[in-house]
Amino acid sequence: MHKRFLLAIAGVSIAVASFIPVASAAPLYVFPVAGCAVKYAHSHHDYPATDILAKAGCKYVAPIDGVIYEVATKDIWSSKTNLGEDRGGLSVSIIGSDGVRYYGSHFKKIAPGIEPGVNVVAGQLIAYIGATGSARGTATHVHFGISWPTTPEDNAWWVRRGVLYPWKYLDAWKAGKDLSPANALDALQLKVGEIPPKPKK
């Protein structure tokens, strides 16, 4: 996964490469919501992701060392069009040192200095929990998705929003255990391709 990603987005390859561990030790993962009580299910509605419920303003943090890849700072979602690429409202994608993309969305506010190309460390403040995008009017939460990187030019929002259920990784990180989704993602990508067909909804 690392090599393919570095070739695909050469513009930030140096920043990402600096986080790829030289040793074979597993990277340190942390639960992505800090300092607040949370609830999340071992399921999601119609595609693999996890909604982590927490109070508005709770801190969303980097689950692993990595580099900020994509940031949406404006909520342009409309219920009339319900475009897939707009549903996340305020959102941030991080490419972790494990080569995995971690996507969080529906934020109330993005933390200062969080922009594409910025290096972050596990546990660093990224954003604040809210209910933007298609989450308007619902309980505040962060939509958490795990996927392999695709380029912004591809606009493959259906990959970015999540392709692998995160709950068992969240359970492990919450318990202080390292569990990487990288191998499972590699296997899934070989099966479905880098950009699987766009869903009908």
N, C-alpha and C. Protein backbone atom coordinates (compact mmCIF):
# COMPACT_ATOMS: atom_id res chain seq x y z
N MET A 1 0.84 -1.21 0.00
CA MET A 1 0.00 0.00 0.00
C MET A 1 0.87 1.24 0.00
N HIS A 2 1.94 1.27 0.77
CA HIS A 2 2.79 2.45 0.86
C HIS A 2 3.31 2.89 -0.49
N LYS A 3 3.86 1.93 -1.27
CA LYS A 3 4.49 2.28 -2.54
C LYS A 3 3.48 2.84 -3.52
N ARG A 4 2.32 2.18 -3.62
CA ARG A 4 1.29 2.66 -4.54
C ARG A 4 0.84 4.07 -4.17
N PHE A 5 0.68 4.32 -2.87
CA PHE A 5 0.23 5.63 -2.41
C PHE A 5 1.26 6.71 -2.73
N LEU A 6 2.52 6.44 -2.49
CA LEU A 6 3.56 7.43 -2.74
C LEU A 6 3.65 7.79 -4.21
N LEU A 7 3.44 6.81 -5.08
CA LEU A 7 3.46 7.07 -6.51
C LEU A 7 2.23 7.87 -6.94
N ALA A 8 1.10 7.62 -6.28
CA ALA A 8 -0.15 8.26 -6.69
C ALA A 8 -0.20 9.73 -6.34
N ILE A 9 0.41 10.11 -5.22
CA ILE A 9 0.32 11.51 -4.81
C ILE A 9 1.72 12.02 -4.47
N ALA A 10 2.50 12.16 -5.50
CA ALA A 10 3.89 12.56 -5.31
C ALA A 10 4.01 13.90 -4.62
N GLY A 11 2.99 14.76 -4.72
CA GLY A 11 3.05 16.09 -4.13
C GLY A 11 3.26 16.08 -2.63
N VAL A 12 2.81 15.03 -1.94
CA VAL A 12 3.01 14.97 -0.50
C VAL A 12 3.81 13.74 -0.10
N SER A 13 4.48 13.12 -1.07
CA SER A 13 5.18 11.87 -0.79
C SER A 13 6.28 12.04 0.25
N ILE A 14 6.97 13.17 0.24
CA ILE A 14 8.06 13.38 1.20
C ILE A 14 7.50 13.43 2.62
N ALA A 15 6.40 14.16 2.79
CA ALA A 15 5.80 14.28 4.11
C ALA A 15 5.33 12.93 4.63
N VAL A 16 4.70 12.13 3.74
CA VAL A 16 4.19 10.84 4.17
C VAL A 16 5.34 9.88 4.44
N ALA A 17 6.32 9.89 3.54
CA ALA A 17 7.43 8.96 3.68
C ALA A 17 8.15 9.16 5.01
N SER A 18 8.18 10.39 5.50
CA SER A 18 8.88 10.65 6.75
C SER A 18 8.21 9.97 7.93
N PHE A 19 6.95 9.51 7.76
CA PHE A 19 6.24 8.86 8.84
C PHE A 19 6.25 7.34 8.72
N ILE A 20 6.72 6.80 7.59
CA ILE A 20 6.74 5.36 7.44
C ILE A 20 7.83 4.79 8.34
N PRO A 21 7.47 3.92 9.26
CA PRO A 21 8.45 3.45 10.23
C PRO A 21 9.56 2.63 9.58
N VAL A 22 10.78 2.84 10.04
CA VAL A 22 11.91 2.07 9.54
C VAL A 22 11.92 0.70 10.19
N ALA A 23 11.63 0.65 11.47
CA ALA A 23 11.57 -0.62 12.18
C ALA A 23 10.26 -1.33 11.88
N SER A 24 10.17 -2.57 12.27
CA SER A 24 8.96 -3.35 11.98
C SER A 24 7.92 -3.23 13.08
N ALA A 25 8.18 -2.43 14.10
CA ALA A 25 7.24 -2.27 15.21
C ALA A 25 5.95 -1.63 14.72
N ALA A 26 4.84 -2.07 15.29
CA ALA A 26 3.54 -1.54 14.90
C ALA A 26 3.43 -0.08 15.32
N PRO A 27 2.75 0.72 14.51
CA PRO A 27 2.54 2.12 14.90
C PRO A 27 1.58 2.19 16.08
N LEU A 28 1.62 3.31 16.77
CA LEU A 28 0.76 3.50 17.93
C LEU A 28 -0.56 4.13 17.49
N TYR A 29 -1.65 3.46 17.78
CA TYR A 29 -2.99 3.96 17.46
C TYR A 29 -3.65 4.49 18.73
N VAL A 30 -4.48 5.52 18.57
CA VAL A 30 -5.27 6.02 19.69
C VAL A 30 -6.72 6.16 19.25
N PHE A 31 -7.62 6.08 20.21
CA PHE A 31 -9.04 6.27 19.90
C PHE A 31 -9.24 7.70 19.43
N PRO A 32 -10.02 7.93 18.37
CA PRO A 32 -10.08 9.26 17.75
C PRO A 32 -10.94 10.32 18.45
N VAL A 33 -11.59 10.00 19.54
CA VAL A 33 -12.31 11.03 20.32
C VAL A 33 -11.70 11.04 21.72
N ALA A 34 -11.25 12.21 22.15
CA ALA A 34 -10.51 12.31 23.42
C ALA A 34 -11.29 13.13 24.46
N GLY A 35 -11.27 12.66 25.70
CA GLY A 35 -11.79 13.43 26.82
C GLY A 35 -13.30 13.49 26.93
N CYS A 36 -14.00 12.65 26.21
CA CYS A 36 -15.47 12.66 26.24
C CYS A 36 -16.02 11.24 26.23
N ALA A 37 -17.18 11.08 26.82
CA ALA A 37 -17.88 9.79 26.74
C ALA A 37 -18.37 9.59 25.30
N VAL A 38 -18.28 8.38 24.81
CA VAL A 38 -18.70 8.08 23.44
C VAL A 38 -19.57 6.84 23.41
N LYS A 39 -20.33 6.73 22.34
CA LYS A 39 -21.08 5.52 22.02
C LYS A 39 -20.93 5.27 20.53
N TYR A 40 -20.80 4.00 20.16
CA TYR A 40 -20.78 3.66 18.74
C TYR A 40 -21.23 2.22 18.58
N ALA A 41 -21.82 1.93 17.44
CA ALA A 41 -22.35 0.60 17.18
C ALA A 41 -21.38 -0.22 16.34
N HIS A 42 -21.56 -1.52 16.38
CA HIS A 42 -20.79 -2.42 15.54
C HIS A 42 -21.52 -2.65 14.22
N SER A 43 -22.04 -1.55 13.69
CA SER A 43 -22.79 -1.60 12.43
C SER A 43 -22.88 -0.18 11.89
N HIS A 44 -23.42 -0.07 10.69
CA HIS A 44 -23.66 1.22 10.06
C HIS A 44 -24.83 1.00 9.12
N HIS A 45 -25.32 2.07 8.47
CA HIS A 45 -26.52 1.84 7.67
C HIS A 45 -26.26 1.05 6.39
N ASP A 46 -25.74 1.65 5.31
CA ASP A 46 -25.64 0.91 4.05
C ASP A 46 -24.24 0.78 3.48
N TYR A 47 -23.23 1.10 4.26
CA TYR A 47 -21.85 0.90 3.82
C TYR A 47 -20.94 0.88 5.05
N PRO A 48 -19.72 0.38 4.93
CA PRO A 48 -18.85 0.21 6.09
C PRO A 48 -18.29 1.53 6.63
N ALA A 49 -18.66 1.89 7.82
CA ALA A 49 -18.15 3.06 8.54
C ALA A 49 -18.66 2.94 9.97
N THR A 50 -18.31 3.89 10.81
CA THR A 50 -18.82 3.91 12.18
C THR A 50 -19.15 5.34 12.57
N ASP A 51 -20.32 5.55 13.14
CA ASP A 51 -20.69 6.85 13.70
C ASP A 51 -20.39 6.81 15.19
N ILE A 52 -19.47 7.69 15.61
CA ILE A 52 -19.10 7.76 17.02
C ILE A 52 -19.84 8.94 17.65
N LEU A 53 -20.83 8.64 18.49
CA LEU A 53 -21.63 9.69 19.11
C LEU A 53 -20.89 10.29 20.30
N ALA A 54 -20.86 11.63 20.33
CA ALA A 54 -20.24 12.36 21.43
C ALA A 54 -20.86 13.75 21.46
N LYS A 55 -20.69 14.46 22.57
CA LYS A 55 -21.27 15.79 22.71
C LYS A 55 -20.62 16.77 21.74
N ALA A 56 -21.39 17.77 21.34
CA ALA A 56 -20.87 18.82 20.46
C ALA A 56 -19.66 19.48 21.11
N GLY A 57 -18.63 19.68 20.31
CA GLY A 57 -17.43 20.33 20.80
C GLY A 57 -16.38 19.39 21.35
N CYS A 58 -16.70 18.10 21.48
CA CYS A 58 -15.70 17.15 21.93
C CYS A 58 -14.57 17.07 20.91
N LYS A 59 -13.39 16.67 21.38
CA LYS A 59 -12.20 16.70 20.53
C LYS A 59 -12.06 15.43 19.69
N TYR A 60 -11.87 15.65 18.40
CA TYR A 60 -11.51 14.57 17.48
C TYR A 60 -10.02 14.68 17.26
N VAL A 61 -9.31 13.56 17.48
CA VAL A 61 -7.85 13.59 17.41
C VAL A 61 -7.35 12.60 16.36
N ALA A 62 -6.11 12.82 15.91
CA ALA A 62 -5.49 11.91 14.95
C ALA A 62 -5.35 10.52 15.57
N PRO A 63 -5.84 9.47 14.88
CA PRO A 63 -5.73 8.13 15.44
C PRO A 63 -4.34 7.53 15.31
N ILE A 64 -3.46 8.19 14.53
CA ILE A 64 -2.13 7.67 14.27
C ILE A 64 -1.28 8.83 13.74
N ASP A 65 0.02 8.73 13.81
CA ASP A 65 0.88 9.71 13.14
C ASP A 65 0.59 9.69 11.64
N GLY A 66 0.67 10.84 11.01
CA GLY A 66 0.42 10.88 9.57
C GLY A 66 0.49 12.28 9.01
N VAL A 67 -0.15 12.47 7.88
CA VAL A 67 -0.17 13.76 7.20
C VAL A 67 -1.61 14.08 6.80
N ILE A 68 -2.00 15.32 6.99
CA ILE A 68 -3.33 15.76 6.57
C ILE A 68 -3.40 15.73 5.04
N TYR A 69 -4.43 15.09 4.52
CA TYR A 69 -4.53 14.91 3.07
C TYR A 69 -5.61 15.79 2.45
N GLU A 70 -6.81 15.74 3.01
CA GLU A 70 -7.93 16.54 2.49
C GLU A 70 -8.65 17.21 3.66
N VAL A 71 -9.09 18.44 3.44
CA VAL A 71 -9.84 19.17 4.46
C VAL A 71 -10.99 19.91 3.79
N ALA A 72 -12.21 19.74 4.31
CA ALA A 72 -13.36 20.51 3.85
C ALA A 72 -13.74 21.47 4.97
N THR A 73 -13.57 22.77 4.74
CA THR A 73 -13.79 23.77 5.78
C THR A 73 -15.15 24.46 5.67
N LYS A 74 -15.90 24.13 4.63
CA LYS A 74 -17.23 24.73 4.46
C LYS A 74 -18.28 23.65 4.30
N ASP A 75 -19.42 23.88 4.90
CA ASP A 75 -20.54 22.95 4.81
C ASP A 75 -21.43 23.38 3.64
N ILE A 76 -21.32 22.67 2.52
CA ILE A 76 -22.10 23.04 1.33
C ILE A 76 -23.18 22.01 0.99
N TRP A 77 -23.41 21.07 1.93
CA TRP A 77 -24.42 20.04 1.68
C TRP A 77 -25.82 20.65 1.59
N SER A 78 -26.62 20.13 0.68
CA SER A 78 -28.02 20.55 0.52
C SER A 78 -28.89 19.30 0.48
N SER A 79 -29.97 19.32 1.23
CA SER A 79 -30.88 18.17 1.23
C SER A 79 -31.56 18.02 -0.13
N LYS A 80 -31.61 19.08 -0.90
CA LYS A 80 -32.25 19.03 -2.23
C LYS A 80 -31.44 18.21 -3.22
N THR A 81 -30.12 18.36 -3.16
CA THR A 81 -29.26 17.61 -4.09
C THR A 81 -28.67 16.37 -3.45
N ASN A 82 -28.38 16.44 -2.15
CA ASN A 82 -27.81 15.33 -1.38
C ASN A 82 -26.63 14.68 -2.09
N LEU A 83 -25.72 15.49 -2.60
CA LEU A 83 -24.56 14.96 -3.31
C LEU A 83 -23.64 14.21 -2.36
N GLY A 84 -23.19 13.06 -2.79
CA GLY A 84 -22.35 12.22 -1.95
C GLY A 84 -21.10 12.91 -1.46
N GLU A 85 -20.47 13.68 -2.34
CA GLU A 85 -19.22 14.35 -1.96
C GLU A 85 -19.41 15.46 -0.94
N ASP A 86 -20.66 15.91 -0.73
CA ASP A 86 -20.94 17.01 0.20
C ASP A 86 -21.49 16.55 1.55
N ARG A 87 -21.83 15.28 1.66
CA ARG A 87 -22.55 14.80 2.85
C ARG A 87 -21.76 14.93 4.14
N GLY A 88 -20.46 14.94 4.06
CA GLY A 88 -19.64 14.99 5.26
C GLY A 88 -19.59 16.33 5.94
N GLY A 89 -20.03 17.40 5.24
CA GLY A 89 -19.92 18.72 5.83
C GLY A 89 -18.45 19.07 6.06
N LEU A 90 -18.11 19.54 7.25
CA LEU A 90 -16.71 19.80 7.58
C LEU A 90 -16.02 18.46 7.85
N SER A 91 -14.93 18.22 7.14
CA SER A 91 -14.29 16.91 7.23
C SER A 91 -12.78 17.00 7.08
N VAL A 92 -12.10 15.94 7.52
CA VAL A 92 -10.64 15.85 7.41
C VAL A 92 -10.24 14.41 7.09
N SER A 93 -9.33 14.26 6.13
CA SER A 93 -8.72 12.96 5.85
C SER A 93 -7.26 13.01 6.26
N ILE A 94 -6.82 11.96 6.93
CA ILE A 94 -5.42 11.80 7.32
C ILE A 94 -4.88 10.54 6.67
N ILE A 95 -3.71 10.62 6.05
CA ILE A 95 -3.03 9.42 5.60
C ILE A 95 -2.07 9.03 6.71
N GLY A 96 -2.33 7.89 7.32
CA GLY A 96 -1.52 7.46 8.45
C GLY A 96 -0.17 6.91 8.03
N SER A 97 0.71 6.74 9.00
CA SER A 97 2.02 6.17 8.74
C SER A 97 1.93 4.72 8.28
N ASP A 98 0.75 4.12 8.44
CA ASP A 98 0.49 2.76 7.96
C ASP A 98 -0.02 2.74 6.53
N GLY A 99 -0.13 3.92 5.88
CA GLY A 99 -0.62 4.00 4.51
C GLY A 99 -2.13 4.03 4.38
N VAL A 100 -2.84 4.00 5.49
CA VAL A 100 -4.31 3.97 5.50
C VAL A 100 -4.86 5.39 5.58
N ARG A 101 -5.98 5.64 4.90
CA ARG A 101 -6.67 6.92 5.03
C ARG A 101 -7.73 6.81 6.13
N TYR A 102 -7.68 7.77 7.05
CA TYR A 102 -8.66 7.87 8.13
C TYR A 102 -9.48 9.13 7.91
N TYR A 103 -10.78 8.96 7.76
CA TYR A 103 -11.68 10.07 7.39
C TYR A 103 -12.65 10.35 8.53
N GLY A 104 -12.70 11.60 8.96
CA GLY A 104 -13.68 12.03 9.96
C GLY A 104 -14.51 13.16 9.39
N SER A 105 -15.80 13.19 9.70
CA SER A 105 -16.66 14.23 9.13
C SER A 105 -17.78 14.64 10.08
N HIS A 106 -18.56 15.62 9.64
CA HIS A 106 -19.67 16.24 10.36
C HIS A 106 -19.18 17.16 11.48
N PHE A 107 -17.95 17.66 11.35
CA PHE A 107 -17.38 18.48 12.42
C PHE A 107 -18.05 19.84 12.55
N LYS A 108 -18.00 20.35 13.78
CA LYS A 108 -18.47 21.70 14.08
C LYS A 108 -17.42 22.72 13.65
N LYS A 109 -16.15 22.37 13.87
CA LYS A 109 -15.04 23.28 13.57
C LYS A 109 -13.77 22.47 13.36
N ILE A 110 -12.94 22.91 12.41
CA ILE A 110 -11.63 22.31 12.19
C ILE A 110 -10.63 23.07 13.05
N ALA A 111 -9.70 22.38 13.68
CA ALA A 111 -8.70 23.03 14.53
C ALA A 111 -7.77 23.91 13.69
N PRO A 112 -7.28 25.01 14.26
CA PRO A 112 -6.35 25.89 13.55
C PRO A 112 -5.10 25.13 13.08
N GLY A 113 -4.65 25.44 11.88
CA GLY A 113 -3.43 24.83 11.35
C GLY A 113 -3.61 23.49 10.68
N ILE A 114 -4.82 22.96 10.72
CA ILE A 114 -5.07 21.67 10.07
C ILE A 114 -5.40 21.91 8.61
N GLU A 115 -4.45 21.61 7.75
CA GLU A 115 -4.61 21.81 6.31
C GLU A 115 -3.77 20.79 5.57
N PRO A 116 -4.05 20.54 4.29
CA PRO A 116 -3.33 19.51 3.54
C PRO A 116 -1.82 19.70 3.59
N GLY A 117 -1.12 18.58 3.80
CA GLY A 117 0.33 18.59 3.83
C GLY A 117 0.93 18.74 5.21
N VAL A 118 0.11 19.03 6.22
CA VAL A 118 0.60 19.23 7.59
C VAL A 118 0.79 17.87 8.27
N ASN A 119 1.95 17.67 8.86
CA ASN A 119 2.22 16.45 9.63
C ASN A 119 1.53 16.51 10.99
N VAL A 120 0.96 15.40 11.41
CA VAL A 120 0.30 15.32 12.72
C VAL A 120 0.77 14.08 13.44
N VAL A 121 0.60 14.06 14.75
CA VAL A 121 0.97 12.90 15.55
C VAL A 121 -0.28 12.34 16.22
N ALA A 122 -0.21 11.08 16.56
CA ALA A 122 -1.34 10.41 17.21
C ALA A 122 -1.78 11.19 18.44
N GLY A 123 -3.07 11.44 18.55
CA GLY A 123 -3.62 12.16 19.69
C GLY A 123 -3.70 13.66 19.50
N GLN A 124 -3.18 14.17 18.39
CA GLN A 124 -3.22 15.62 18.14
C GLN A 124 -4.62 16.07 17.77
N LEU A 125 -5.03 17.22 18.29
CA LEU A 125 -6.34 17.77 17.99
C LEU A 125 -6.48 18.07 16.50
N ILE A 126 -7.56 17.58 15.93
CA ILE A 126 -7.84 17.78 14.50
C ILE A 126 -9.08 18.63 14.30
N ALA A 127 -10.12 18.35 15.08
CA ALA A 127 -11.41 19.04 14.87
C ALA A 127 -12.30 18.83 16.10
N TYR A 128 -13.49 19.44 16.03
CA TYR A 128 -14.45 19.36 17.13
C TYR A 128 -15.75 18.73 16.62
N ILE A 129 -16.30 17.83 17.41
CA ILE A 129 -17.50 17.09 17.04
C ILE A 129 -18.68 18.03 16.80
N GLY A 130 -19.44 17.73 15.76
CA GLY A 130 -20.61 18.54 15.44
C GLY A 130 -21.66 17.73 14.70
N ALA A 131 -22.40 18.41 13.84
CA ALA A 131 -23.47 17.76 13.07
C ALA A 131 -23.67 18.50 11.75
N THR A 132 -22.57 18.68 11.00
CA THR A 132 -22.67 19.37 9.72
C THR A 132 -22.92 18.37 8.59
N GLY A 133 -23.15 18.90 7.41
CA GLY A 133 -23.45 18.05 6.27
C GLY A 133 -24.77 17.34 6.44
N SER A 134 -24.84 16.10 6.00
CA SER A 134 -26.09 15.35 6.07
C SER A 134 -26.46 14.95 7.50
N ALA A 135 -25.62 15.30 8.47
CA ALA A 135 -25.92 15.03 9.88
C ALA A 135 -26.73 16.15 10.53
N ARG A 136 -27.01 17.21 9.79
CA ARG A 136 -27.79 18.32 10.36
C ARG A 136 -29.09 17.80 10.97
N GLY A 137 -29.34 18.23 12.20
CA GLY A 137 -30.58 17.84 12.86
C GLY A 137 -30.49 16.49 13.57
N THR A 138 -29.35 15.82 13.50
CA THR A 138 -29.19 14.54 14.19
C THR A 138 -28.33 14.74 15.44
N ALA A 139 -28.18 13.67 16.21
CA ALA A 139 -27.29 13.72 17.38
C ALA A 139 -25.86 13.98 16.90
N THR A 140 -25.14 14.81 17.63
CA THR A 140 -23.78 15.14 17.22
C THR A 140 -22.89 13.88 17.26
N HIS A 141 -22.07 13.76 16.24
CA HIS A 141 -21.20 12.59 16.13
C HIS A 141 -20.12 12.83 15.09
N VAL A 142 -19.14 11.95 15.06
CA VAL A 142 -18.16 11.94 13.98
C VAL A 142 -18.37 10.67 13.17
N HIS A 143 -18.52 10.87 11.88
CA HIS A 143 -18.54 9.74 10.96
C HIS A 143 -17.08 9.34 10.73
N PHE A 144 -16.73 8.11 11.05
CA PHE A 144 -15.35 7.65 10.96
C PHE A 144 -15.25 6.57 9.89
N GLY A 145 -14.42 6.83 8.86
CA GLY A 145 -14.26 5.88 7.78
C GLY A 145 -12.81 5.51 7.56
N ILE A 146 -12.58 4.26 7.17
CA ILE A 146 -11.25 3.75 6.87
C ILE A 146 -11.22 3.30 5.42
N SER A 147 -10.18 3.73 4.69
CA SER A 147 -10.06 3.34 3.29
C SER A 147 -8.61 3.46 2.84
N TRP A 148 -8.35 3.03 1.61
CA TRP A 148 -7.04 3.29 1.01
C TRP A 148 -7.10 4.68 0.36
N PRO A 149 -5.96 5.32 0.17
CA PRO A 149 -5.96 6.65 -0.44
C PRO A 149 -6.37 6.61 -1.91
N THR A 150 -7.14 7.60 -2.32
CA THR A 150 -7.42 7.88 -3.73
C THR A 150 -7.08 9.36 -3.93
N THR A 151 -6.93 9.77 -5.16
CA THR A 151 -6.54 11.17 -5.38
C THR A 151 -7.75 12.09 -5.32
N PRO A 152 -7.58 13.34 -4.91
CA PRO A 152 -8.70 14.29 -4.92
C PRO A 152 -9.31 14.43 -6.31
N GLU A 153 -8.48 14.29 -7.34
CA GLU A 153 -8.98 14.42 -8.72
C GLU A 153 -9.98 13.32 -9.05
N ASP A 154 -9.81 12.15 -8.45
CA ASP A 154 -10.75 11.05 -8.69
C ASP A 154 -12.12 11.33 -8.07
N ASN A 155 -12.13 12.13 -7.00
CA ASN A 155 -13.36 12.45 -6.26
C ASN A 155 -14.16 11.19 -5.92
N ALA A 156 -13.45 10.15 -5.53
CA ALA A 156 -14.10 8.88 -5.20
C ALA A 156 -14.61 8.94 -3.75
N TRP A 157 -15.63 9.75 -3.52
CA TRP A 157 -16.15 9.97 -2.18
C TRP A 157 -16.68 8.69 -1.55
N TRP A 158 -17.13 7.75 -2.37
CA TRP A 158 -17.67 6.49 -1.86
C TRP A 158 -16.56 5.59 -1.31
N VAL A 159 -15.31 5.83 -1.72
CA VAL A 159 -14.18 5.14 -1.12
C VAL A 159 -13.76 5.89 0.15
N ARG A 160 -13.65 7.20 0.03
CA ARG A 160 -13.23 8.04 1.16
C ARG A 160 -14.13 7.86 2.38
N ARG A 161 -15.42 7.72 2.19
CA ARG A 161 -16.34 7.66 3.33
C ARG A 161 -16.20 6.36 4.14
N GLY A 162 -15.53 5.35 3.56
CA GLY A 162 -15.29 4.11 4.29
C GLY A 162 -15.56 2.87 3.47
N VAL A 163 -14.62 1.93 3.51
CA VAL A 163 -14.78 0.67 2.78
C VAL A 163 -14.60 -0.55 3.69
N LEU A 164 -14.15 -0.32 4.92
CA LEU A 164 -13.88 -1.39 5.86
C LEU A 164 -14.47 -1.00 7.21
N TYR A 165 -15.26 -1.89 7.80
CA TYR A 165 -15.87 -1.55 9.10
C TYR A 165 -14.80 -1.27 10.15
N PRO A 166 -14.86 -0.10 10.79
CA PRO A 166 -13.81 0.29 11.75
C PRO A 166 -14.00 -0.23 13.17
N TRP A 167 -15.18 -0.80 13.50
CA TRP A 167 -15.50 -1.00 14.91
C TRP A 167 -14.50 -1.86 15.67
N LYS A 168 -13.96 -2.93 15.04
CA LYS A 168 -13.03 -3.77 15.81
C LYS A 168 -11.70 -3.06 16.06
N TYR A 169 -11.35 -2.15 15.15
CA TYR A 169 -10.13 -1.36 15.37
C TYR A 169 -10.37 -0.32 16.46
N LEU A 170 -11.54 0.30 16.43
CA LEU A 170 -11.89 1.26 17.48
C LEU A 170 -11.92 0.58 18.85
N ASP A 171 -12.48 -0.63 18.91
CA ASP A 171 -12.50 -1.38 20.17
C ASP A 171 -11.08 -1.60 20.69
N ALA A 172 -10.18 -1.99 19.79
CA ALA A 172 -8.80 -2.26 20.19
C ALA A 172 -8.12 -0.99 20.66
N TRP A 173 -8.26 0.09 19.90
CA TRP A 173 -7.58 1.34 20.27
C TRP A 173 -8.11 1.89 21.59
N LYS A 174 -9.41 1.73 21.80
CA LYS A 174 -10.02 2.20 23.04
C LYS A 174 -9.47 1.44 24.24
N ALA A 175 -9.10 0.18 23.99
CA ALA A 175 -8.53 -0.66 25.04
C ALA A 175 -7.02 -0.51 25.14
N GLY A 176 -6.45 0.41 24.34
CA GLY A 176 -5.01 0.63 24.40
C GLY A 176 -4.18 -0.37 23.63
N LYS A 177 -4.82 -1.09 22.70
CA LYS A 177 -4.11 -2.11 21.92
C LYS A 177 -3.91 -1.64 20.47
N ASP A 178 -2.75 -1.95 19.92
CA ASP A 178 -2.49 -1.64 18.52
C ASP A 178 -3.12 -2.71 17.63
N LEU A 179 -3.94 -2.28 16.69
CA LEU A 179 -4.51 -3.18 15.70
C LEU A 179 -4.60 -2.40 14.40
N SER A 180 -3.89 -2.84 13.39
CA SER A 180 -3.82 -2.11 12.13
C SER A 180 -4.80 -2.67 11.10
N PRO A 181 -5.51 -1.78 10.39
CA PRO A 181 -6.38 -2.23 9.31
C PRO A 181 -5.67 -2.38 7.97
N ALA A 182 -4.36 -2.13 7.93
CA ALA A 182 -3.64 -2.07 6.65
C ALA A 182 -3.73 -3.36 5.85
N ASN A 183 -3.50 -4.51 6.46
CA ASN A 183 -3.53 -5.77 5.72
C ASN A 183 -4.93 -6.10 5.20
N ALA A 184 -5.94 -5.83 6.03
CA ALA A 184 -7.32 -6.08 5.60
C ALA A 184 -7.69 -5.19 4.42
N LEU A 185 -7.21 -3.94 4.44
CA LEU A 185 -7.48 -3.03 3.33
C LEU A 185 -6.77 -3.48 2.06
N ASP A 186 -5.52 -3.92 2.19
CA ASP A 186 -4.78 -4.41 1.03
C ASP A 186 -5.53 -5.56 0.36
N ALA A 187 -6.02 -6.49 1.16
CA ALA A 187 -6.74 -7.64 0.63
C ALA A 187 -8.04 -7.20 -0.05
N LEU A 188 -8.73 -6.27 0.57
CA LEU A 188 -9.99 -5.79 0.00
C LEU A 188 -9.75 -5.04 -1.31
N GLN A 189 -8.70 -4.22 -1.35
CA GLN A 189 -8.42 -3.47 -2.57
C GLN A 189 -8.08 -4.39 -3.73
N LEU A 190 -7.35 -5.46 -3.45
CA LEU A 190 -7.04 -6.44 -4.51
C LEU A 190 -8.32 -7.07 -5.05
N LYS A 191 -9.30 -7.21 -4.20
CA LYS A 191 -10.57 -7.85 -4.58
C LYS A 191 -11.47 -6.92 -5.37
N VAL A 192 -11.60 -5.67 -4.95
CA VAL A 192 -12.59 -4.77 -5.56
C VAL A 192 -11.97 -3.71 -6.47
N GLY A 193 -10.65 -3.52 -6.43
CA GLY A 193 -10.01 -2.49 -7.25
C GLY A 193 -9.85 -1.19 -6.49
N GLU A 194 -8.97 -0.33 -7.01
CA GLU A 194 -8.69 0.94 -6.32
C GLU A 194 -9.92 1.82 -6.25
N ILE A 195 -10.70 1.87 -7.35
CA ILE A 195 -11.93 2.66 -7.35
C ILE A 195 -13.08 1.77 -7.81
N PRO A 196 -13.76 1.14 -6.88
CA PRO A 196 -14.91 0.30 -7.24
C PRO A 196 -16.04 1.14 -7.81
N PRO A 197 -17.02 0.50 -8.45
CA PRO A 197 -18.12 1.26 -9.07
C PRO A 197 -18.82 2.20 -8.09
N LYS A 198 -19.19 3.35 -8.59
CA LYS A 198 -19.91 4.34 -7.78
C LYS A 198 -21.27 3.80 -7.39
N PRO A 199 -21.64 3.90 -6.11
CA PRO A 199 -22.95 3.40 -5.68
C PRO A 199 -24.09 4.28 -6.22
N LYS A 200 -25.29 3.74 -6.23
CA LYS A 200 -26.45 4.49 -6.73
C LYS A 200 -26.90 5.53 -5.73
N LYS A 201 -26.47 5.41 -4.48
CA LYS A 201 -26.86 6.39 -3.47
C LYS A 201 -25.73 6.63 -2.51
